[in-house]
Amino acid sequence: MKDTKKYQGIFPAFYACYAPDGSISPERVRAFTEYLIGKGVTGLYVGGSSGECIYHSVEERKLVLENVMAVAKGRIVIIAHVACNNTRDSMELAAHAESLGVDAIAAIPPIYFKLPPHAIAKYWNDISSAAPHTDFVIYNIPQLAGVALSGALLREMLKNPNVIGVKNSSMPVQDIEMWRDEGAIVFNGPDEQLLSGLAAGAIGGIGGTYAVMPELYLAIYRLFREGEIAKARAIQDECCHVIYKLCSGKGNMYATIKETLRLMGAPDIGGVREPLYNLTEEDKAICAQCAAEIQKLVAQYA
């Protein structure tokens, strides 16, 4: 039985860091990694949805992870999402991640063509075989991938000794209970339900808005562990209100998040890559409101 205690806690999903010309900026990747380490997070989830992975080449994804690891290795836990929409590239990224010494790799199922469970299992096991000494986390996000994890598929995957658990971004909290009952550790995915996910048995959380307000999610996690549920719920409610505001603009949520971070003094990590939609002038007022609200909440709760 593997020791999975190191995965307990809060894992911000790492955002893509771009230079002004839209290329990956190694300097900004390193600066943002250092910024998040300074916030006291458990680890980082690199190369996932929040990292705009589907818009990056294999070489760009390697570049991001290399620069995260140059700063983070040995300091915090790193989970690298390595899935591409073909097995060969995914295996290449998995082998690369293991060579850098990540703690775990993760993968969504293949998207677009709807594959049967046995084909998805082969895809995940092939990826895992390219990183034979590294933990493997299944990424269940059916609303975007178009494929939902089932109990039968999870049981099949747990025959692979490297498979330790699930990053569960489906909305039903019941899924966390089901995957845990199968013997997997589970990371809560939807940021709006971190507290509910923890109550259902999640070991921690991986979230797309954690990096813009890590202090608040760390407080939720700490208060839950201390049994202060009412206090944790009050912060969770406030986080949800901020999330709704971040999603209210014309530009993509991650463009809003990156500008909000910049307004709060975090490293400038650029915008988002097309076809994601960047900020409009009207969105800048939303960013300013979010920055002010987050700073007020951090002062109140963190």
Protein backbone atom coordinates (compact mmCIF):
# COMPACT_ATOMS: atom_id res chain seq x y z
CA MET A 1 0.00 0.00 0.00
CA LYS A 2 1.47 3.33 -1.05
CA ASP A 3 1.85 6.20 1.38
CA THR A 4 -0.33 8.97 -0.04
CA LYS A 5 -0.19 11.39 2.89
CA LYS A 6 1.84 13.87 0.86
CA TYR A 7 -1.22 14.48 -1.32
CA GLN A 8 -3.30 15.84 1.56
CA GLY A 9 -3.97 19.54 1.07
CA ILE A 10 -4.40 22.30 -1.47
CA PHE A 11 -3.03 22.07 -5.03
CA PRO A 12 -3.55 25.14 -7.23
CA ALA A 13 -3.84 24.35 -10.91
CA PHE A 14 -0.90 26.14 -12.52
CA TYR A 15 -1.75 28.80 -15.11
CA ALA A 16 -0.05 29.18 -18.47
CA CYS A 17 2.58 31.94 -18.32
CA TYR A 18 3.09 33.87 -21.54
CA ALA A 19 5.57 36.44 -22.76
CA PRO A 20 4.14 39.56 -24.49
CA ASP A 21 4.45 37.82 -27.89
CA GLY A 22 2.29 34.91 -26.67
CA SER A 23 5.08 32.35 -26.33
CA ILE A 24 5.69 30.41 -23.12
CA SER A 25 7.84 32.51 -20.79
CA PRO A 26 10.27 30.37 -18.72
CA GLU A 27 11.02 33.39 -16.53
CA ARG A 28 7.36 33.98 -15.76
CA VAL A 29 6.80 30.26 -15.10
CA ARG A 30 9.58 30.33 -12.52
CA ALA A 31 8.36 33.55 -10.94
CA PHE A 32 4.79 32.28 -10.64
CA THR A 33 5.97 28.98 -9.19
CA GLU A 34 7.94 30.84 -6.51
CA TYR A 35 4.94 33.06 -5.80
CA LEU A 36 2.66 30.08 -5.15
CA ILE A 37 5.23 28.25 -3.04
CA GLY A 38 5.39 31.39 -0.92
CA LYS A 39 1.67 31.10 -0.24
CA GLY A 40 2.16 27.78 1.56
CA VAL A 41 0.29 25.46 -0.81
CA THR A 42 0.79 21.70 -0.64
CA GLY A 43 1.69 21.37 -4.29
CA LEU A 44 0.88 22.32 -7.86
CA TYR A 45 -1.08 20.64 -10.64
CA VAL A 46 0.79 21.49 -13.84
CA GLY A 47 -0.38 21.20 -17.43
CA GLY A 48 -4.10 20.73 -16.89
CA SER A 49 -7.17 22.61 -18.07
CA SER A 50 -6.18 25.78 -16.21
CA GLY A 51 -2.78 25.56 -17.84
CA GLU A 52 -4.43 25.69 -21.30
CA CYS A 53 -2.76 22.37 -22.13
CA ILE A 54 -4.86 21.61 -25.19
CA TYR A 55 -3.50 24.75 -26.87
CA HIS A 56 0.16 23.87 -26.26
CA SER A 57 2.58 21.75 -28.24
CA VAL A 58 4.41 18.85 -26.63
CA GLU A 59 7.59 20.92 -26.50
CA GLU A 60 5.79 23.83 -24.85
CA ARG A 61 4.34 21.54 -22.20
CA LYS A 62 7.81 20.17 -21.51
CA LEU A 63 9.16 23.70 -21.21
CA VAL A 64 6.52 24.65 -18.65
CA LEU A 65 7.13 21.59 -16.49
CA GLU A 66 10.92 21.91 -16.70
CA ASN A 67 10.76 25.44 -15.34
CA VAL A 68 8.23 24.61 -12.64
CA MET A 69 10.45 21.75 -11.47
CA ALA A 70 13.59 23.91 -11.56
CA VAL A 71 12.00 25.96 -8.77
CA ALA A 72 9.71 23.48 -7.01
CA LYS A 73 11.51 20.13 -6.92
CA GLY A 74 12.01 18.99 -3.35
CA ARG A 75 9.99 21.91 -1.96
CA ILE A 76 6.37 21.00 -2.78
CA VAL A 77 4.47 18.14 -4.40
CA ILE A 78 4.09 18.31 -8.18
CA ILE A 79 1.42 16.49 -10.19
CA ALA A 80 1.93 16.79 -13.94
CA HIS A 81 -1.01 16.36 -16.29
CA VAL A 82 0.42 14.64 -19.36
CA ALA A 83 -2.57 13.62 -21.49
CA CYS A 84 -2.70 14.57 -25.16
CA ASN A 85 -5.29 13.39 -27.62
CA ASN A 86 -3.01 10.64 -28.84
CA THR A 87 -1.15 7.95 -26.93
CA ARG A 88 2.33 8.54 -28.34
CA ASP A 89 2.57 12.19 -27.28
CA SER A 90 1.04 11.38 -23.89
CA MET A 91 3.66 8.68 -23.27
CA GLU A 92 6.41 11.08 -24.29
CA LEU A 93 5.19 13.64 -21.78
CA ALA A 94 4.83 10.97 -19.08
CA ALA A 95 8.41 9.77 -19.56
CA HIS A 96 9.63 13.38 -19.53
CA ALA A 97 7.72 14.12 -16.32
CA GLU A 98 9.21 11.09 -14.60
CA SER A 99 12.70 12.11 -15.72
CA LEU A 100 12.19 15.45 -13.95
CA GLY A 101 11.15 13.75 -10.70
CA VAL A 102 7.49 14.73 -10.43
CA ASP A 103 5.48 13.09 -7.66
CA ALA A 104 2.62 11.97 -9.90
CA ILE A 105 1.30 12.18 -13.42
CA ALA A 106 -2.36 12.57 -14.36
CA ALA A 107 -4.46 12.14 -17.49
CA ILE A 108 -7.93 12.83 -18.80
CA PRO A 109 -9.45 10.26 -21.17
CA PRO A 110 -9.08 10.86 -24.91
CA ILE A 111 -11.58 13.45 -26.14
CA TYR A 112 -13.66 13.87 -29.33
CA PHE A 113 -13.99 10.22 -30.41
CA LYS A 114 -15.99 8.37 -27.75
CA LEU A 115 -13.90 5.34 -26.83
CA PRO A 116 -15.17 2.23 -25.00
CA PRO A 117 -13.89 1.63 -21.45
CA HIS A 118 -11.35 -1.02 -22.49
CA ALA A 119 -9.76 1.44 -24.93
CA ILE A 120 -9.62 4.19 -22.30
CA ALA A 121 -8.02 1.75 -19.85
CA LYS A 122 -5.38 0.81 -22.45
CA TYR A 123 -4.67 4.49 -23.12
CA TRP A 124 -4.16 5.23 -19.42
CA ASN A 125 -2.12 2.09 -18.80
CA ASP A 126 0.09 2.87 -21.81
CA ILE A 127 0.74 6.34 -20.40
CA SER A 128 1.53 4.88 -16.99
CA SER A 129 3.92 2.37 -18.57
CA ALA A 130 6.04 5.26 -19.83
CA ALA A 131 6.50 6.46 -16.23
CA PRO A 132 6.72 3.13 -14.38
CA HIS A 133 8.09 4.60 -11.14
CA THR A 134 5.56 7.43 -10.81
CA ASP A 135 2.10 7.59 -9.22
CA PHE A 136 -0.81 7.96 -11.66
CA VAL A 137 -3.98 10.00 -11.09
CA ILE A 138 -7.09 9.64 -13.26
CA TYR A 139 -8.61 13.01 -14.17
CA ASN A 140 -12.40 12.71 -14.32
CA ILE A 141 -13.98 15.79 -15.91
CA PRO A 142 -16.91 14.45 -17.95
CA GLN A 143 -18.45 17.86 -18.69
CA LEU A 144 -15.39 18.72 -20.81
CA ALA A 145 -13.94 15.35 -21.79
CA GLY A 146 -17.30 13.90 -22.82
CA VAL A 147 -16.51 10.65 -21.01
CA ALA A 148 -17.35 9.84 -17.38
CA LEU A 149 -15.38 7.54 -15.14
CA SER A 150 -17.33 4.49 -13.98
CA GLY A 151 -16.82 2.18 -11.04
CA ALA A 152 -15.99 -0.69 -13.36
CA LEU A 153 -13.34 1.35 -15.22
CA LEU A 154 -11.81 2.56 -11.95
CA ARG A 155 -11.63 -1.01 -10.63
CA GLU A 156 -9.87 -2.06 -13.80
CA MET A 157 -7.39 0.81 -13.49
CA LEU A 158 -6.67 0.04 -9.83
CA LYS A 159 -5.15 -3.24 -10.97
CA ASN A 160 -2.26 -1.02 -12.07
CA PRO A 161 -0.19 -0.52 -8.89
CA ASN A 162 0.79 3.00 -9.97
CA VAL A 163 -2.82 4.20 -10.01
CA ILE A 164 -3.48 5.90 -6.68
CA GLY A 165 -6.62 7.91 -7.23
CA VAL A 166 -8.86 10.34 -9.04
CA LYS A 167 -8.94 14.07 -9.58
CA ASN A 168 -12.70 14.31 -9.59
CA SER A 169 -14.11 17.35 -11.35
CA SER A 170 -17.60 15.98 -11.89
CA MET A 171 -20.24 17.94 -10.01
CA PRO A 172 -21.89 15.16 -7.94
CA VAL A 173 -20.19 14.88 -4.56
CA GLN A 174 -21.47 11.29 -4.51
CA ASP A 175 -18.78 10.45 -7.09
CA ILE A 176 -16.10 11.19 -4.49
CA GLU A 177 -17.73 8.72 -2.13
CA MET A 178 -17.93 6.07 -4.87
CA TRP A 179 -14.29 6.40 -5.97
CA ARG A 180 -13.10 6.40 -2.37
CA ASP A 181 -15.15 3.28 -1.70
CA GLU A 182 -13.27 1.55 -4.52
CA GLY A 183 -10.01 2.21 -2.68
CA ALA A 184 -8.80 5.32 -4.50
CA ILE A 185 -7.73 8.60 -2.97
CA VAL A 186 -9.77 11.46 -4.38
CA PHE A 187 -8.96 15.11 -5.02
CA ASN A 188 -11.97 17.42 -5.09
CA GLY A 189 -12.13 19.24 -8.42
CA PRO A 190 -14.98 21.79 -8.48
CA ASP A 191 -13.76 24.77 -6.46
CA GLU A 192 -17.30 25.70 -5.46
CA GLN A 193 -17.63 22.49 -3.46
CA LEU A 194 -14.24 22.04 -1.79
CA LEU A 195 -15.82 21.88 1.66
CA SER A 196 -18.44 19.37 0.51
CA GLY A 197 -15.79 17.29 -1.19
CA LEU A 198 -13.67 17.18 1.95
CA ALA A 199 -16.72 16.10 3.95
CA ALA A 200 -17.27 13.31 1.40
CA GLY A 201 -13.74 12.04 1.97
CA ALA A 202 -11.56 13.90 -0.53
CA ILE A 203 -7.90 13.92 0.53
CA GLY A 204 -7.54 17.50 -0.67
CA GLY A 205 -8.37 19.72 -3.60
CA ILE A 206 -7.03 20.66 -7.02
CA GLY A 207 -8.64 23.83 -8.29
CA GLY A 208 -8.61 26.33 -11.12
CA THR A 209 -9.22 29.35 -8.90
CA TYR A 210 -6.97 28.27 -6.02
CA ALA A 211 -3.99 30.23 -7.36
CA VAL A 212 -5.82 33.56 -7.33
CA MET A 213 -6.90 33.19 -3.67
CA PRO A 214 -4.83 30.35 -2.16
CA GLU A 215 -5.04 31.79 1.34
CA LEU A 216 -8.82 31.28 1.37
CA TYR A 217 -8.74 27.66 0.20
CA LEU A 218 -5.95 26.89 2.65
CA ALA A 219 -8.16 28.35 5.39
CA ILE A 220 -11.11 26.17 4.33
CA TYR A 221 -8.90 23.09 4.43
CA ARG A 222 -7.41 23.99 7.82
CA LEU A 223 -10.78 24.82 9.40
CA PHE A 224 -12.29 21.58 8.08
CA ARG A 225 -9.46 19.60 9.64
CA GLU A 226 -10.02 21.45 12.92
CA GLY A 227 -13.75 20.72 12.87
CA GLU A 228 -14.70 24.39 12.45
CA ILE A 229 -17.28 23.65 9.75
CA ALA A 230 -19.39 26.81 10.10
CA LYS A 231 -16.30 29.01 9.71
CA ALA A 232 -15.13 26.97 6.74
CA ARG A 233 -18.57 27.25 5.15
CA ALA A 234 -18.53 31.04 5.47
CA ILE A 235 -15.25 31.20 3.53
CA GLN A 236 -16.48 28.69 0.95
CA ASP A 237 -19.53 30.88 0.32
CA GLU A 238 -17.29 33.91 -0.17
CA CYS A 239 -15.06 31.99 -2.59
CA CYS A 240 -18.12 31.03 -4.62
CA HIS A 241 -19.17 34.67 -4.89
CA VAL A 242 -15.71 35.59 -6.17
CA ILE A 243 -15.81 32.73 -8.69
CA TYR A 244 -19.15 33.93 -10.04
CA LYS A 245 -17.68 37.41 -10.47
CA LEU A 246 -14.57 36.04 -12.19
CA CYS A 247 -16.84 34.25 -14.68
CA SER A 248 -19.07 37.27 -15.36
CA GLY A 249 -16.97 39.04 -17.99
CA LYS A 250 -16.76 38.68 -21.75
CA GLY A 251 -13.19 37.40 -21.63
CA ASN A 252 -12.20 33.91 -20.53
CA MET A 253 -12.13 33.34 -16.77
CA TYR A 254 -8.38 32.70 -16.81
CA ALA A 255 -7.74 36.05 -18.50
CA THR A 256 -9.72 37.66 -15.69
CA ILE A 257 -7.82 35.68 -13.07
CA LYS A 258 -4.41 36.62 -14.47
CA GLU A 259 -5.25 40.33 -14.49
CA THR A 260 -6.71 40.06 -10.97
CA LEU A 261 -3.47 38.45 -9.81
CA ARG A 262 -1.43 41.23 -11.40
CA LEU A 263 -3.53 43.87 -9.65
CA MET A 264 -2.81 42.14 -6.34
CA GLY A 265 0.94 42.26 -6.88
CA ALA A 266 1.51 38.76 -8.23
CA PRO A 267 3.87 38.21 -11.17
CA ASP A 268 2.51 39.29 -14.55
CA ILE A 269 1.92 36.03 -16.45
CA GLY A 270 0.25 37.46 -19.55
CA GLY A 271 -3.15 36.70 -21.00
CA VAL A 272 -4.67 33.58 -22.56
CA ARG A 273 -4.01 31.84 -25.85
CA GLU A 274 -6.55 32.04 -28.65
CA PRO A 275 -9.14 30.79 -29.26
CA LEU A 276 -9.67 31.61 -25.57
CA TYR A 277 -10.96 35.16 -25.39
CA ASN A 278 -8.84 37.81 -23.74
CA LEU A 279 -9.99 40.71 -21.59
CA THR A 280 -12.17 43.52 -22.86
CA GLU A 281 -12.04 47.03 -21.41
CA GLU A 282 -15.25 46.32 -19.52
CA ASP A 283 -13.69 43.23 -17.95
CA LYS A 284 -10.97 45.32 -16.31
CA ALA A 285 -13.50 46.75 -13.88
CA ILE A 286 -14.46 43.19 -12.90
CA CYS A 287 -10.80 42.36 -12.27
CA ALA A 288 -10.43 45.39 -10.02
CA GLN A 289 -13.55 44.39 -8.07
CA CYS A 290 -12.28 40.82 -7.68
CA ALA A 291 -8.83 41.96 -6.55
CA ALA A 292 -10.34 44.25 -3.92
CA GLU A 293 -12.74 41.56 -2.70
CA ILE A 294 -10.05 38.87 -2.45
CA GLN A 295 -7.72 41.18 -0.55
CA LYS A 296 -10.51 42.07 1.87
CA LEU A 297 -11.37 38.40 2.43
CA VAL A 298 -7.73 37.40 2.94
CA ALA A 299 -7.37 40.11 5.56
CA GLN A 300 -10.56 38.89 7.25
CA TYR A 301 -10.08 35.12 7.16
CA ALA A 302 -6.50 34.08 6.40
